[in-house]
Amino acid sequence: MRRAEKWIPVFRKNDATKNDLEQAVRFQLNAACSKRTQKESEMNMYLTAAAVLALIVGVVHSALGEVRIFSRLRRGSVIPTHGGELLHQSNVRILWASWHVLTVFGWGMAAMLLWLALPSSQ
C-alpha cells in the first residue's frame, strides 16, 4: 500500500469529516495567500516610496547644483566654462557633466525601483 492510500479509507468512512477537512485546508490556503499578497503590497509600497524619493533627490541635486555652484561659473552659455583662477574651462565642463550624470543615475535607479515595485506575473 502506498503512503497516500493509508489516508483515503479514513475519509471514505466519514464524508462529513472529509468535507470539513477540505474546507479547513481551503481556509488555511486562502489565509496564507492573502497574507502573502498583503506582504507583497507592503514591499511594493516601500519600493515605490524609495523610487519617488530618488526622483525628488535627483531633481533637488540638479537644481541646487545649478543655482549654488554653476551659476557663478556660467558666462551667458548653457554649459558653464569660467572657472576663475582655480579651474580650467575643460575642468568646469567635466565637473558640470559629472554633476548631472549623477542626477541621471539617480533617475535610473528610481526607474529600476519602480519596475521592481510592479506586481510580479507569478
PDB file of N, CA and C in Angstrom:
ATOM      1  N   MET A   1       0.841  -1.171   0.000  1.00  0.00           N
ATOM      2  CA  MET A   1       0.000   0.000   0.000  1.00  0.00           C
ATOM      3  C   MET A   1       0.899   1.251   0.000  1.00  0.00           C
ATOM      4  N   ARG A   2       0.579   2.193  -0.869  1.00  0.00           N
ATOM      5  CA  ARG A   2       1.353   3.430  -0.937  1.00  0.00           C
ATOM      6  C   ARG A   2       0.967   4.349   0.221  1.00  0.00           C
ATOM      7  N   ARG A   3       1.793   5.329   0.464  1.00  0.00           N
ATOM      8  CA  ARG A   3       1.562   6.243   1.577  1.00  0.00           C
ATOM      9  C   ARG A   3       0.213   6.952   1.472  1.00  0.00           C
ATOM     10  N   ALA A   4      -0.104   7.477   0.301  1.00  0.00           N
ATOM     11  CA  ALA A   4      -1.349   8.235   0.132  1.00  0.00           C
ATOM     12  C   ALA A   4      -2.572   7.366   0.377  1.00  0.00           C
ATOM     13  N   GLU A   5      -2.514   6.082   0.076  1.00  0.00           N
ATOM     14  CA  GLU A   5      -3.659   5.198   0.237  1.00  0.00           C
ATOM     15  C   GLU A   5      -3.970   4.919   1.701  1.00  0.00           C
ATOM     16  N   LYS A   6      -3.031   5.151   2.597  1.00  0.00           N
ATOM     17  CA  LYS A   6      -3.289   4.939   4.018  1.00  0.00           C
ATOM     18  C   LYS A   6      -4.357   5.895   4.524  1.00  0.00           C
ATOM     19  N   TRP A   7      -4.410   7.098   3.981  1.00  0.00           N
ATOM     20  CA  TRP A   7      -5.334   8.115   4.472  1.00  0.00           C
ATOM     21  C   TRP A   7      -6.697   8.070   3.787  1.00  0.00           C
ATOM     22  N   ILE A   8      -6.771   7.511   2.618  1.00  0.00           N
ATOM     23  CA  ILE A   8      -8.020   7.504   1.857  1.00  0.00           C
ATOM     24  C   ILE A   8      -9.136   6.756   2.581  1.00  0.00           C
ATOM     25  N   PRO A   9      -8.931   5.563   3.141  1.00  0.00           N
ATOM     26  CA  PRO A   9     -10.040   4.872   3.803  1.00  0.00           C
ATOM     27  C   PRO A   9     -10.638   5.663   4.961  1.00  0.00           C
ATOM     28  N   VAL A  10      -9.866   6.440   5.649  1.00  0.00           N
ATOM     29  CA  VAL A  10     -10.375   7.229   6.769  1.00  0.00           C
ATOM     30  C   VAL A  10     -11.401   8.224   6.262  1.00  0.00           C
ATOM     31  N   PHE A  11     -11.118   8.860   5.144  1.00  0.00           N
ATOM     32  CA  PHE A  11     -12.037   9.866   4.612  1.00  0.00           C
ATOM     33  C   PHE A  11     -13.266   9.228   3.969  1.00  0.00           C
ATOM     34  N   ARG A  12     -13.127   8.037   3.453  1.00  0.00           N
ATOM     35  CA  ARG A  12     -14.280   7.392   2.831  1.00  0.00           C
ATOM     36  C   ARG A  12     -15.293   6.949   3.876  1.00  0.00           C
ATOM     37  N   LYS A  13     -14.843   6.660   5.071  1.00  0.00           N
ATOM     38  CA  LYS A  13     -15.747   6.222   6.118  1.00  0.00           C
ATOM     39  C   LYS A  13     -16.653   7.365   6.567  1.00  0.00           C
ATOM     40  N   ASN A  14     -16.115   8.557   6.605  1.00  0.00           N
ATOM     41  CA  ASN A  14     -16.887   9.675   7.133  1.00  0.00           C
ATOM     42  C   ASN A  14     -16.755  10.854   6.176  1.00  0.00           C
ATOM     43  N   ASP A  15     -17.775  11.013   5.311  1.00  0.00           N
ATOM     44  CA  ASP A  15     -17.719  12.078   4.312  1.00  0.00           C
ATOM     45  C   ASP A  15     -17.800  13.464   4.949  1.00  0.00           C
ATOM     46  N   ALA A  16     -18.476  13.606   6.060  1.00  0.00           N
ATOM     47  CA  ALA A  16     -18.574  14.905   6.724  1.00  0.00           C
ATOM     48  C   ALA A  16     -17.194  15.362   7.185  1.00  0.00           C
ATOM     49  N   THR A  17     -16.396  14.447   7.699  1.00  0.00           N
ATOM     50  CA  THR A  17     -15.041  14.784   8.133  1.00  0.00           C
ATOM     51  C   THR A  17     -14.192  15.185   6.934  1.00  0.00           C
ATOM     52  N   LYS A  18     -14.384  14.491   5.838  1.00  0.00           N
ATOM     53  CA  LYS A  18     -13.627  14.809   4.627  1.00  0.00           C
ATOM     54  C   LYS A  18     -13.965  16.226   4.150  1.00  0.00           C
ATOM     55  N   ASN A  19     -15.254  16.553   4.119  1.00  0.00           N
ATOM     56  CA  ASN A  19     -15.657  17.893   3.693  1.00  0.00           C
ATOM     57  C   ASN A  19     -15.160  18.962   4.655  1.00  0.00           C
ATOM     58  N   ASP A  20     -15.240  18.669   5.951  1.00  0.00           N
ATOM     59  CA  ASP A  20     -14.740  19.626   6.941  1.00  0.00           C
ATOM     60  C   ASP A  20     -13.246  19.860   6.769  1.00  0.00           C
ATOM     61  N   LEU A  21     -12.516  18.779   6.520  1.00  0.00           N
ATOM     62  CA  LEU A  21     -11.073  18.895   6.335  1.00  0.00           C
ATOM     63  C   LEU A  21     -10.754  19.692   5.068  1.00  0.00           C
ATOM     64  N   GLU A  22     -11.490  19.438   3.992  1.00  0.00           N
ATOM     65  CA  GLU A  22     -11.268  20.180   2.751  1.00  0.00           C
ATOM     66  C   GLU A  22     -11.538  21.672   2.957  1.00  0.00           C
ATOM     67  N   GLN A  23     -12.596  21.979   3.674  1.00  0.00           N
ATOM     68  CA  GLN A  23     -12.912  23.385   3.941  1.00  0.00           C
ATOM     69  C   GLN A  23     -11.829  24.042   4.798  1.00  0.00           C
ATOM     70  N   ALA A  24     -11.342  23.309   5.775  1.00  0.00           N
ATOM     71  CA  ALA A  24     -10.301  23.853   6.646  1.00  0.00           C
ATOM     72  C   ALA A  24      -9.015  24.112   5.853  1.00  0.00           C
ATOM     73  N   VAL A  25      -8.672  23.193   4.972  1.00  0.00           N
ATOM     74  CA  VAL A  25      -7.471  23.360   4.156  1.00  0.00           C
ATOM     75  C   VAL A  25      -7.637  24.551   3.219  1.00  0.00           C
ATOM     76  N   ARG A  26      -8.801  24.663   2.603  1.00  0.00           N
ATOM     77  CA  ARG A  26      -9.046  25.816   1.716  1.00  0.00           C
ATOM     78  C   ARG A  26      -8.974  27.130   2.489  1.00  0.00           C
ATOM     79  N   PHE A  27      -9.539  27.144   3.679  1.00  0.00           N
ATOM     80  CA  PHE A  27      -9.497  28.349   4.504  1.00  0.00           C
ATOM     81  C   PHE A  27      -8.055  28.734   4.832  1.00  0.00           C
ATOM     82  N   GLN A  28      -7.252  27.734   5.221  1.00  0.00           N
ATOM     83  CA  GLN A  28      -5.846  27.996   5.554  1.00  0.00           C
ATOM     84  C   GLN A  28      -5.077  28.495   4.340  1.00  0.00           C
ATOM     85  N   LEU A  29      -5.328  27.885   3.182  1.00  0.00           N
ATOM     86  CA  LEU A  29      -4.642  28.320   1.963  1.00  0.00           C
ATOM     87  C   LEU A  29      -5.035  29.747   1.594  1.00  0.00           C
ATOM     88  N   ASN A  30      -6.314  30.061   1.690  1.00  0.00           N
ATOM     89  CA  ASN A  30      -6.759  31.425   1.397  1.00  0.00           C
ATOM     90  C   ASN A  30      -6.146  32.431   2.361  1.00  0.00           C
ATOM     91  N   ALA A  31      -6.079  32.073   3.631  1.00  0.00           N
ATOM     92  CA  ALA A  31      -5.485  32.975   4.622  1.00  0.00           C
ATOM     93  C   ALA A  31      -4.002  33.186   4.333  1.00  0.00           C
ATOM     94  N   ALA A  32      -3.298  32.121   3.987  1.00  0.00           N
ATOM     95  CA  ALA A  32      -1.872  32.237   3.679  1.00  0.00           C
ATOM     96  C   ALA A  32      -1.651  33.074   2.429  1.00  0.00           C
ATOM     97  N   CYS A  33      -2.480  32.881   1.420  1.00  0.00           N
ATOM     98  CA  CYS A  33      -2.345  33.656   0.176  1.00  0.00           C
ATOM     99  C   CYS A  33      -2.638  35.125   0.418  1.00  0.00           C
ATOM    100  N   SER A  34      -3.648  35.431   1.228  1.00  0.00           N
ATOM    101  CA  SER A  34      -3.962  36.839   1.473  1.00  0.00           C
ATOM    102  C   SER A  34      -2.862  37.509   2.278  1.00  0.00           C
ATOM    103  N   LYS A  35      -2.245  36.787   3.219  1.00  0.00           N
ATOM    104  CA  LYS A  35      -1.121  37.354   3.966  1.00  0.00           C
ATOM    105  C   LYS A  35       0.053  37.614   3.034  1.00  0.00           C
ATOM    106  N   ARG A  36       0.318  36.680   2.123  1.00  0.00           N
ATOM    107  CA  ARG A  36       1.422  36.858   1.195  1.00  0.00           C
ATOM    108  C   ARG A  36       1.160  38.044   0.272  1.00  0.00           C
ATOM    109  N   THR A  37      -0.059  38.177  -0.204  1.00  0.00           N
ATOM    110  CA  THR A  37      -0.405  39.299  -1.065  1.00  0.00           C
ATOM    111  C   THR A  37      -0.266  40.613  -0.304  1.00  0.00           C
ATOM    112  N   GLN A  38      -0.679  40.621   0.956  1.00  0.00           N
ATOM    113  CA  GLN A  38      -0.575  41.826   1.761  1.00  0.00           C
ATOM    114  C   GLN A  38       0.899  42.187   1.970  1.00  0.00           C
ATOM    115  N   LYS A  39       1.759  41.198   2.245  1.00  0.00           N
ATOM    116  CA  LYS A  39       3.177  41.470   2.424  1.00  0.00           C
ATOM    117  C   LYS A  39       3.799  41.973   1.138  1.00  0.00           C
ATOM    118  N   GLU A  40       3.402  41.381   0.008  1.00  0.00           N
ATOM    119  CA  GLU A  40       3.951  41.830  -1.273  1.00  0.00           C
ATOM    120  C   GLU A  40       3.554  43.271  -1.536  1.00  0.00           C
ATOM    121  N   SER A  41       2.314  43.660  -1.213  1.00  0.00           N
ATOM    122  CA  SER A  41       1.889  45.029  -1.464  1.00  0.00           C
ATOM    123  C   SER A  41       2.628  45.997  -0.548  1.00  0.00           C
ATOM    124  N   GLU A  42       2.928  45.577   0.694  1.00  0.00           N
ATOM    125  CA  GLU A  42       3.714  46.425   1.579  1.00  0.00           C
ATOM    126  C   GLU A  42       5.097  46.644   1.004  1.00  0.00           C
ATOM    127  N   MET A  43       5.696  45.603   0.509  1.00  0.00           N
ATOM    128  CA  MET A  43       7.029  45.725  -0.072  1.00  0.00           C
ATOM    129  C   MET A  43       6.977  46.606  -1.307  1.00  0.00           C
ATOM    130  N   ASN A  44       5.922  46.487  -2.081  1.00  0.00           N
ATOM    131  CA  ASN A  44       5.783  47.332  -3.255  1.00  0.00           C
ATOM    132  C   ASN A  44       5.654  48.793  -2.853  1.00  0.00           C
ATOM    133  N   MET A  45       4.996  49.072  -1.755  1.00  0.00           N
ATOM    134  CA  MET A  45       4.867  50.459  -1.299  1.00  0.00           C
ATOM    135  C   MET A  45       6.223  51.012  -0.875  1.00  0.00           C
ATOM    136  N   TYR A  46       7.036  50.186  -0.241  1.00  0.00           N
ATOM    137  CA  TYR A  46       8.370  50.629   0.151  1.00  0.00           C
ATOM    138  C   TYR A  46       9.223  50.940  -1.080  1.00  0.00           C
ATOM    139  N   LEU A  47       9.143  50.078  -2.076  1.00  0.00           N
ATOM    140  CA  LEU A  47       9.919  50.312  -3.302  1.00  0.00           C
ATOM    141  C   LEU A  47       9.415  51.542  -4.044  1.00  0.00           C
ATOM    142  N   THR A  48       8.110  51.731  -4.065  1.00  0.00           N
ATOM    143  CA  THR A  48       7.547  52.911  -4.720  1.00  0.00           C
ATOM    144  C   THR A  48       7.973  54.176  -3.989  1.00  0.00           C
ATOM    145  N   ALA A  49       7.932  54.156  -2.672  1.00  0.00           N
ATOM    146  CA  ALA A  49       8.358  55.315  -1.889  1.00  0.00           C
ATOM    147  C   ALA A  49       9.843  55.615  -2.123  1.00  0.00           C
ATOM    148  N   ALA A  50      10.652  54.569  -2.202  1.00  0.00           N
ATOM    149  CA  ALA A  50      12.081  54.769  -2.466  1.00  0.00           C
ATOM    150  C   ALA A  50      12.302  55.356  -3.856  1.00  0.00           C
ATOM    151  N   ALA A  51      11.511  54.927  -4.831  1.00  0.00           N
ATOM    152  CA  ALA A  51      11.635  55.457  -6.189  1.00  0.00           C
ATOM    153  C   ALA A  51      11.250  56.930  -6.239  1.00  0.00           C
ATOM    154  N   VAL A  52      10.164  57.286  -5.573  1.00  0.00           N
ATOM    155  CA  VAL A  52       9.736  58.691  -5.544  1.00  0.00           C
ATOM    156  C   VAL A  52      10.789  59.548  -4.848  1.00  0.00           C
ATOM    157  N   LEU A  53      11.329  59.034  -3.755  1.00  0.00           N
ATOM    158  CA  LEU A  53      12.376  59.756  -3.043  1.00  0.00           C
ATOM    159  C   LEU A  53      13.613  59.944  -3.922  1.00  0.00           C
ATOM    160  N   ALA A  54      13.985  58.919  -4.682  1.00  0.00           N
ATOM    161  CA  ALA A  54      15.139  59.031  -5.578  1.00  0.00           C
ATOM    162  C   ALA A  54      14.892  60.067  -6.675  1.00  0.00           C
ATOM    163  N   LEU A  55      13.669  60.125  -7.200  1.00  0.00           N
ATOM    164  CA  LEU A  55      13.339  61.147  -8.200  1.00  0.00           C
ATOM    165  C   LEU A  55      13.443  62.549  -7.610  1.00  0.00           C
ATOM    166  N   ILE A  56      12.917  62.727  -6.417  1.00  0.00           N
ATOM    167  CA  ILE A  56      12.956  64.042  -5.768  1.00  0.00           C
ATOM    168  C   ILE A  56      14.393  64.448  -5.466  1.00  0.00           C
ATOM    169  N   VAL A  57      15.180  63.523  -4.946  1.00  0.00           N
ATOM    170  CA  VAL A  57      16.586  63.819  -4.656  1.00  0.00           C
ATOM    171  C   VAL A  57      17.327  64.189  -5.932  1.00  0.00           C
ATOM    172  N   GLY A  58      17.028  63.522  -7.049  1.00  0.00           N
ATOM    173  CA  GLY A  58      17.668  63.858  -8.319  1.00  0.00           C
ATOM    174  C   GLY A  58      17.334  65.262  -8.778  1.00  0.00           C
ATOM    175  N   VAL A  59      16.080  65.642  -8.657  1.00  0.00           N
ATOM    176  CA  VAL A  59      15.665  67.000  -9.062  1.00  0.00           C
ATOM    177  C   VAL A  59      16.329  68.045  -8.167  1.00  0.00           C
ATOM    178  N   VAL A  60      16.315  67.814  -6.866  1.00  0.00           N
ATOM    179  CA  VAL A  60      16.918  68.760  -5.927  1.00  0.00           C
ATOM    180  C   VAL A  60      18.432  68.846  -6.160  1.00  0.00           C
ATOM    181  N   HIS A  61      19.069  67.715  -6.391  1.00  0.00           N
ATOM    182  CA  HIS A  61      20.511  67.682  -6.648  1.00  0.00           C
ATOM    183  C   HIS A  61      20.859  68.524  -7.869  1.00  0.00           C
ATOM    184  N   SER A  62      20.121  68.349  -8.932  1.00  0.00           N
ATOM    185  CA  SER A  62      20.387  69.079 -10.161  1.00  0.00           C
ATOM    186  C   SER A  62      20.096  70.578  -9.996  1.00  0.00           C
ATOM    187  N   ALA A  63      18.970  70.905  -9.391  1.00  0.00           N
ATOM    188  CA  ALA A  63      18.582  72.313  -9.231  1.00  0.00           C
ATOM    189  C   ALA A  63      19.540  73.063  -8.311  1.00  0.00           C
ATOM    190  N   LEU A  64      19.855  72.458  -7.163  1.00  0.00           N
ATOM    191  CA  LEU A  64      20.771  73.127  -6.240  1.00  0.00           C
ATOM    192  C   LEU A  64      22.172  73.276  -6.835  1.00  0.00           C
ATOM    193  N   GLY A  65      22.599  72.280  -7.593  1.00  0.00           N
ATOM    194  CA  GLY A  65      23.907  72.388  -8.241  1.00  0.00           C
ATOM    195  C   GLY A  65      23.949  73.533  -9.229  1.00  0.00           C
ATOM    196  N   GLU A  66      22.889  73.692  -9.995  1.00  0.00           N
ATOM    197  CA  GLU A  66      22.841  74.788 -10.970  1.00  0.00           C
ATOM    198  C   GLU A  66      22.787  76.143 -10.274  1.00  0.00           C
ATOM    199  N   VAL A  67      21.977  76.247  -9.229  1.00  0.00           N
ATOM    200  CA  VAL A  67      21.799  77.534  -8.563  1.00  0.00           C
ATOM    201  C   VAL A  67      23.008  77.903  -7.701  1.00  0.00           C
ATOM    202  N   ARG A  68      23.477  76.955  -6.892  1.00  0.00           N
ATOM    203  CA  ARG A  68      24.509  77.268  -5.900  1.00  0.00           C
ATOM    204  C   ARG A  68      25.931  77.194  -6.441  1.00  0.00           C
ATOM    205  N   ILE A  69      26.178  76.332  -7.422  1.00  0.00           N
ATOM    206  CA  ILE A  69      27.557  76.129  -7.878  1.00  0.00           C
ATOM    207  C   ILE A  69      27.779  76.683  -9.280  1.00  0.00           C
ATOM    208  N   PHE A  70      26.982  76.225 -10.225  1.00  0.00           N
ATOM    209  CA  PHE A  70      27.288  76.505 -11.626  1.00  0.00           C
ATOM    210  C   PHE A  70      26.806  77.865 -12.117  1.00  0.00           C
ATOM    211  N   SER A  71      25.924  78.528 -11.386  1.00  0.00           N
ATOM    212  CA  SER A  71      25.504  79.867 -11.822  1.00  0.00           C
ATOM    213  C   SER A  71      26.667  80.852 -11.756  1.00  0.00           C
ATOM    214  N   ARG A  72      27.580  80.635 -10.842  1.00  0.00           N
ATOM    215  CA  ARG A  72      28.756  81.501 -10.723  1.00  0.00           C
ATOM    216  C   ARG A  72      29.801  81.222 -11.800  1.00  0.00           C
ATOM    217  N   LEU A  73      29.750  80.029 -12.355  1.00  0.00           N
ATOM    218  CA  LEU A  73      30.754  79.636 -13.355  1.00  0.00           C
ATOM    219  C   LEU A  73      30.272  79.831 -14.787  1.00  0.00           C
ATOM    220  N   ARG A  74      29.063  80.315 -14.954  1.00  0.00           N
ATOM    221  CA  ARG A  74      28.467  80.443 -16.283  1.00  0.00           C
ATOM    222  C   ARG A  74      28.587  81.885 -16.771  1.00  0.00           C
ATOM    223  N   ARG A  75      28.933  82.030 -18.051  1.00  0.00           N
ATOM    224  CA  ARG A  75      29.009  83.364 -18.665  1.00  0.00           C
ATOM    225  C   ARG A  75      28.166  83.373 -19.933  1.00  0.00           C
ATOM    226  N   GLY A  76      26.872  83.413 -19.808  1.00  0.00           N
ATOM    227  CA  GLY A  76      25.974  83.543 -20.942  1.00  0.00           C
ATOM    228  C   GLY A  76      25.774  82.293 -21.773  1.00  0.00           C
ATOM    229  N   SER A  77      26.285  81.158 -21.374  1.00  0.00           N
ATOM    230  CA  SER A  77      26.075  79.922 -22.130  1.00  0.00           C
ATOM    231  C   SER A  77      25.384  78.892 -21.239  1.00  0.00           C
ATOM    232  N   VAL A  78      24.918  77.849 -21.876  1.00  0.00           N
ATOM    233  CA  VAL A  78      24.228  76.808 -21.121  1.00  0.00           C
ATOM    234  C   VAL A  78      25.217  76.019 -20.272  1.00  0.00           C
ATOM    235  N   ILE A  79      26.340  75.679 -20.857  1.00  0.00           N
ATOM    236  CA  ILE A  79      27.370  74.912 -20.151  1.00  0.00           C
ATOM    237  C   ILE A  79      28.348  75.900 -19.524  1.00  0.00           C
ATOM    238  N   PRO A  80      28.565  75.813 -18.224  1.00  0.00           N
ATOM    239  CA  PRO A  80      29.497  76.742 -17.581  1.00  0.00           C
ATOM    240  C   PRO A  80      30.936  76.466 -18.022  1.00  0.00           C
ATOM    241  N   THR A  81      31.696  77.546 -18.223  1.00  0.00           N
ATOM    242  CA  THR A  81      33.085  77.398 -18.687  1.00  0.00           C
ATOM    243  C   THR A  81      34.064  78.237 -17.887  1.00  0.00           C
ATOM    244  N   HIS A  82      33.608  79.168 -17.091  1.00  0.00           N
ATOM    245  CA  HIS A  82      34.507  80.074 -16.376  1.00  0.00           C
ATOM    246  C   HIS A  82      34.814  79.503 -14.995  1.00  0.00           C
ATOM    247  N   GLY A  83      36.046  79.090 -14.803  1.00  0.00           N
ATOM    248  CA  GLY A  83      36.448  78.530 -13.530  1.00  0.00           C
ATOM    249  C   GLY A  83      37.324  79.447 -12.713  1.00  0.00           C
ATOM    250  N   GLY A  84      37.534  80.633 -13.208  1.00  0.00           N
ATOM    251  CA  GLY A  84      38.388  81.578 -12.486  1.00  0.00           C
ATOM    252  C   GLY A  84      39.838  81.136 -12.559  1.00  0.00           C
ATOM    253  N   GLU A  85      40.575  81.411 -11.500  1.00  0.00           N
ATOM    254  CA  GLU A  85      41.997  81.061 -11.462  1.00  0.00           C
ATOM    255  C   GLU A  85      42.219  79.598 -11.079  1.00  0.00           C
ATOM    256  N   LEU A  86      41.226  78.978 -10.444  1.00  0.00           N
ATOM    257  CA  LEU A  86      41.416  77.618  -9.926  1.00  0.00           C
ATOM    258  C   LEU A  86      41.172  76.523 -10.965  1.00  0.00           C
ATOM    259  N   LEU A  87      40.169  76.708 -11.801  1.00  0.00           N
ATOM    260  CA  LEU A  87      39.775  75.648 -12.727  1.00  0.00           C
ATOM    261  C   LEU A  87      39.885  76.108 -14.175  1.00  0.00           C
ATOM    262  N   HIS A  88      40.362  75.195 -15.011  1.00  0.00           N
ATOM    263  CA  HIS A  88      40.385  75.465 -16.447  1.00  0.00           C
ATOM    264  C   HIS A  88      38.999  75.219 -17.021  1.00  0.00           C
ATOM    265  N   GLN A  89      38.791  75.686 -18.243  1.00  0.00           N
ATOM    266  CA  GLN A  89      37.493  75.540 -18.910  1.00  0.00           C
ATOM    267  C   GLN A  89      37.089  74.071 -19.019  1.00  0.00           C
ATOM    268  N   SER A  90      38.015  73.198 -19.377  1.00  0.00           N
ATOM    269  CA  SER A  90      37.688  71.773 -19.521  1.00  0.00           C
ATOM    270  C   SER A  90      37.329  71.145 -18.177  1.00  0.00           C
ATOM    271  N   ASN A  91      37.978  71.583 -17.111  1.00  0.00           N
ATOM    272  CA  ASN A  91      37.668  71.042 -15.778  1.00  0.00           C
ATOM    273  C   ASN A  91      36.251  71.421 -15.340  1.00  0.00           C
ATOM    274  N   VAL A  92      35.840  72.643 -15.657  1.00  0.00           N
ATOM    275  CA  VAL A  92      34.498  73.086 -15.292  1.00  0.00           C
ATOM    276  C   VAL A  92      33.462  72.280 -16.070  1.00  0.00           C
ATOM    277  N   ARG A  93      33.728  72.037 -17.334  1.00  0.00           N
ATOM    278  CA  ARG A  93      32.795  71.244 -18.146  1.00  0.00           C
ATOM    279  C   ARG A  93      32.679  69.810 -17.630  1.00  0.00           C
ATOM    280  N   ILE A  94      33.807  69.227 -17.253  1.00  0.00           N
ATOM    281  CA  ILE A  94      33.793  67.866 -16.710  1.00  0.00           C
ATOM    282  C   ILE A  94      33.018  67.826 -15.390  1.00  0.00           C
ATOM    283  N   LEU A  95      33.252  68.826 -14.551  1.00  0.00           N
ATOM    284  CA  LEU A  95      32.534  68.896 -13.278  1.00  0.00           C
ATOM    285  C   LEU A  95      31.036  69.028 -13.500  1.00  0.00           C
ATOM    286  N   TRP A  96      30.636  69.879 -14.428  1.00  0.00           N
ATOM    287  CA  TRP A  96      29.212  70.083 -14.726  1.00  0.00           C
ATOM    288  C   TRP A  96      28.575  68.806 -15.275  1.00  0.00           C
ATOM    289  N   ALA A  97      29.281  68.163 -16.229  1.00  0.00           N
ATOM    290  CA  ALA A  97      28.744  66.923 -16.814  1.00  0.00           C
ATOM    291  C   ALA A  97      28.648  65.818 -15.759  1.00  0.00           C
ATOM    292  N   SER A  98      29.660  65.690 -14.931  1.00  0.00           N
ATOM    293  CA  SER A  98      29.648  64.659 -13.881  1.00  0.00           C
ATOM    294  C   SER A  98      28.523  64.911 -12.885  1.00  0.00           C
ATOM    295  N   TRP A  99      28.296  66.162 -12.576  1.00  0.00           N
ATOM    296  CA  TRP A  99      27.226  66.515 -11.641  1.00  0.00           C
ATOM    297  C   TRP A  99      25.879  66.031 -12.158  1.00  0.00           C
ATOM    298  N   HIS A 100      25.630  66.274 -13.431  1.00  0.00           N
ATOM    299  CA  HIS A 100      24.336  65.914 -13.994  1.00  0.00           C
ATOM    300  C   HIS A 100      24.243  64.432 -14.367  1.00  0.00           C
ATOM    301  N   VAL A 101      25.365  63.785 -14.600  1.00  0.00           N
ATOM    302  CA  VAL A 101      25.348  62.335 -14.824  1.00  0.00           C
ATOM    303  C   VAL A 101      24.888  61.621 -13.546  1.00  0.00           C
ATOM    304  N   LEU A 102      25.299  62.143 -12.395  1.00  0.00           N
ATOM    305  CA  LEU A 102      24.830  61.557 -11.129  1.00  0.00           C
ATOM    306  C   LEU A 102      23.326  61.713 -10.968  1.00  0.00           C
ATOM    307  N   THR A 103      22.781  62.828 -11.443  1.00  0.00           N
ATOM    308  CA  THR A 103      21.331  63.021 -11.398  1.00  0.00           C
ATOM    309  C   THR A 103      20.634  61.988 -12.278  1.00  0.00           C
ATOM    310  N   VAL A 104      21.157  61.789 -13.476  1.00  0.00           N
ATOM    311  CA  VAL A 104      20.570  60.799 -14.390  1.00  0.00           C
ATOM    312  C   VAL A 104      20.698  59.393 -13.799  1.00  0.00           C
ATOM    313  N   PHE A 105      21.807  59.112 -13.140  1.00  0.00           N
ATOM    314  CA  PHE A 105      21.988  57.819 -12.477  1.00  0.00           C
ATOM    315  C   PHE A 105      20.922  57.624 -11.389  1.00  0.00           C
ATOM    316  N   GLY A 106      20.644  58.664 -10.612  1.00  0.00           N
ATOM    317  CA  GLY A 106      19.595  58.582  -9.590  1.00  0.00           C
ATOM    318  C   GLY A 106      18.228  58.329 -10.200  1.00  0.00           C
ATOM    319  N   TRP A 107      17.945  58.965 -11.331  1.00  0.00           N
ATOM    320  CA  TRP A 107      16.664  58.733 -12.003  1.00  0.00           C
ATOM    321  C   TRP A 107      16.588  57.314 -12.563  1.00  0.00           C
ATOM    322  N   GLY A 108      17.717  56.794 -13.024  1.00  0.00           N
ATOM    323  CA  GLY A 108      17.743  55.398 -13.488  1.00  0.00           C
ATOM    324  C   GLY A 108      17.472  54.430 -12.347  1.00  0.00           C
ATOM    325  N   MET A 109      18.046  54.721 -11.191  1.00  0.00           N
ATOM    326  CA  MET A 109      17.774  53.891 -10.015  1.00  0.00           C
ATOM    327  C   MET A 109      16.299  53.978  -9.625  1.00  0.00           C
ATOM    328  N   ALA A 110      15.722  55.161  -9.734  1.00  0.00           N
ATOM    329  CA  ALA A 110      14.302  55.324  -9.434  1.00  0.00           C
ATOM    330  C   ALA A 110      13.451  54.509 -10.402  1.00  0.00           C
ATOM    331  N   ALA A 111      13.832  54.498 -11.674  1.00  0.00           N
ATOM    332  CA  ALA A 111      13.089  53.714 -12.667  1.00  0.00           C
ATOM    333  C   ALA A 111      13.187  52.219 -12.353  1.00  0.00           C
ATOM    334  N   MET A 112      14.360  51.759 -11.944  1.00  0.00           N
ATOM    335  CA  MET A 112      14.503  50.343 -11.587  1.00  0.00           C
ATOM    336  C   MET A 112      13.682  50.005 -10.349  1.00  0.00           C
ATOM    337  N   LEU A 113      13.652  50.898  -9.379  1.00  0.00           N
ATOM    338  CA  LEU A 113      12.838  50.659  -8.182  1.00  0.00           C
ATOM    339  C   LEU A 113      11.353  50.605  -8.521  1.00  0.00           C
ATOM    340  N   LEU A 114      10.918  51.490  -9.399  1.00  0.00           N
ATOM    341  CA  LEU A 114       9.509  51.429  -9.836  1.00  0.00           C
ATOM    342  C   LEU A 114       9.210  50.134 -10.565  1.00  0.00           C
ATOM    343  N   TRP A 115      10.143  49.683 -11.382  1.00  0.00           N
ATOM    344  CA  TRP A 115       9.964  48.415 -12.104  1.00  0.00           C
ATOM    345  C   TRP A 115       9.873  47.259 -11.116  1.00  0.00           C
ATOM    346  N   LEU A 116      10.712  47.289 -10.084  1.00  0.00           N
ATOM    347  CA  LEU A 116      10.663  46.237  -9.067  1.00  0.00           C
ATOM    348  C   LEU A 116       9.381  46.307  -8.233  1.00  0.00           C
ATOM    349  N   ALA A 117       8.797  47.483  -8.131  1.00  0.00           N
ATOM    350  CA  ALA A 117       7.570  47.638  -7.346  1.00  0.00           C
ATOM    351  C   ALA A 117       6.339  47.108  -8.059  1.00  0.00           C
ATOM    352  N   LEU A 118       6.441  46.898  -9.351  1.00  0.00           N
ATOM    353  CA  LEU A 118       5.297  46.357 -10.094  1.00  0.00           C
ATOM    354  C   LEU A 118       4.995  44.943  -9.620  1.00  0.00           C
ATOM    355  N   PRO A 119       3.724  44.551  -9.601  1.00  0.00           N
ATOM    356  CA  PRO A 119       3.394  43.184  -9.190  1.00  0.00           C
ATOM    357  C   PRO A 119       3.996  42.182 -10.173  1.00  0.00           C
ATOM    358  N   SER A 120       4.493  41.093  -9.641  1.00  0.00           N
ATOM    359  CA  SER A 120       5.104  40.080 -10.496  1.00  0.00           C
ATOM    360  C   SER A 120       4.025  39.271 -11.194  1.00  0.00           C
ATOM    361  N   SER A 121       4.418  38.612 -12.260  1.00  0.00           N
ATOM    362  CA  SER A 121       3.455  37.824 -13.046  1.00  0.00           C
ATOM    363  C   SER A 121       3.342  36.401 -12.517  1.00  0.00           C
ATOM    364  N   GLN A 122       4.037  36.087 -11.432  1.00  0.00           N
ATOM    365  CA  GLN A 122       3.999  34.710 -10.917  1.00  0.00           C
ATOM    366  C   GLN A 122       2.752  34.510 -10.159  1.00  0.00           C
TER     367      GLN A 122
END
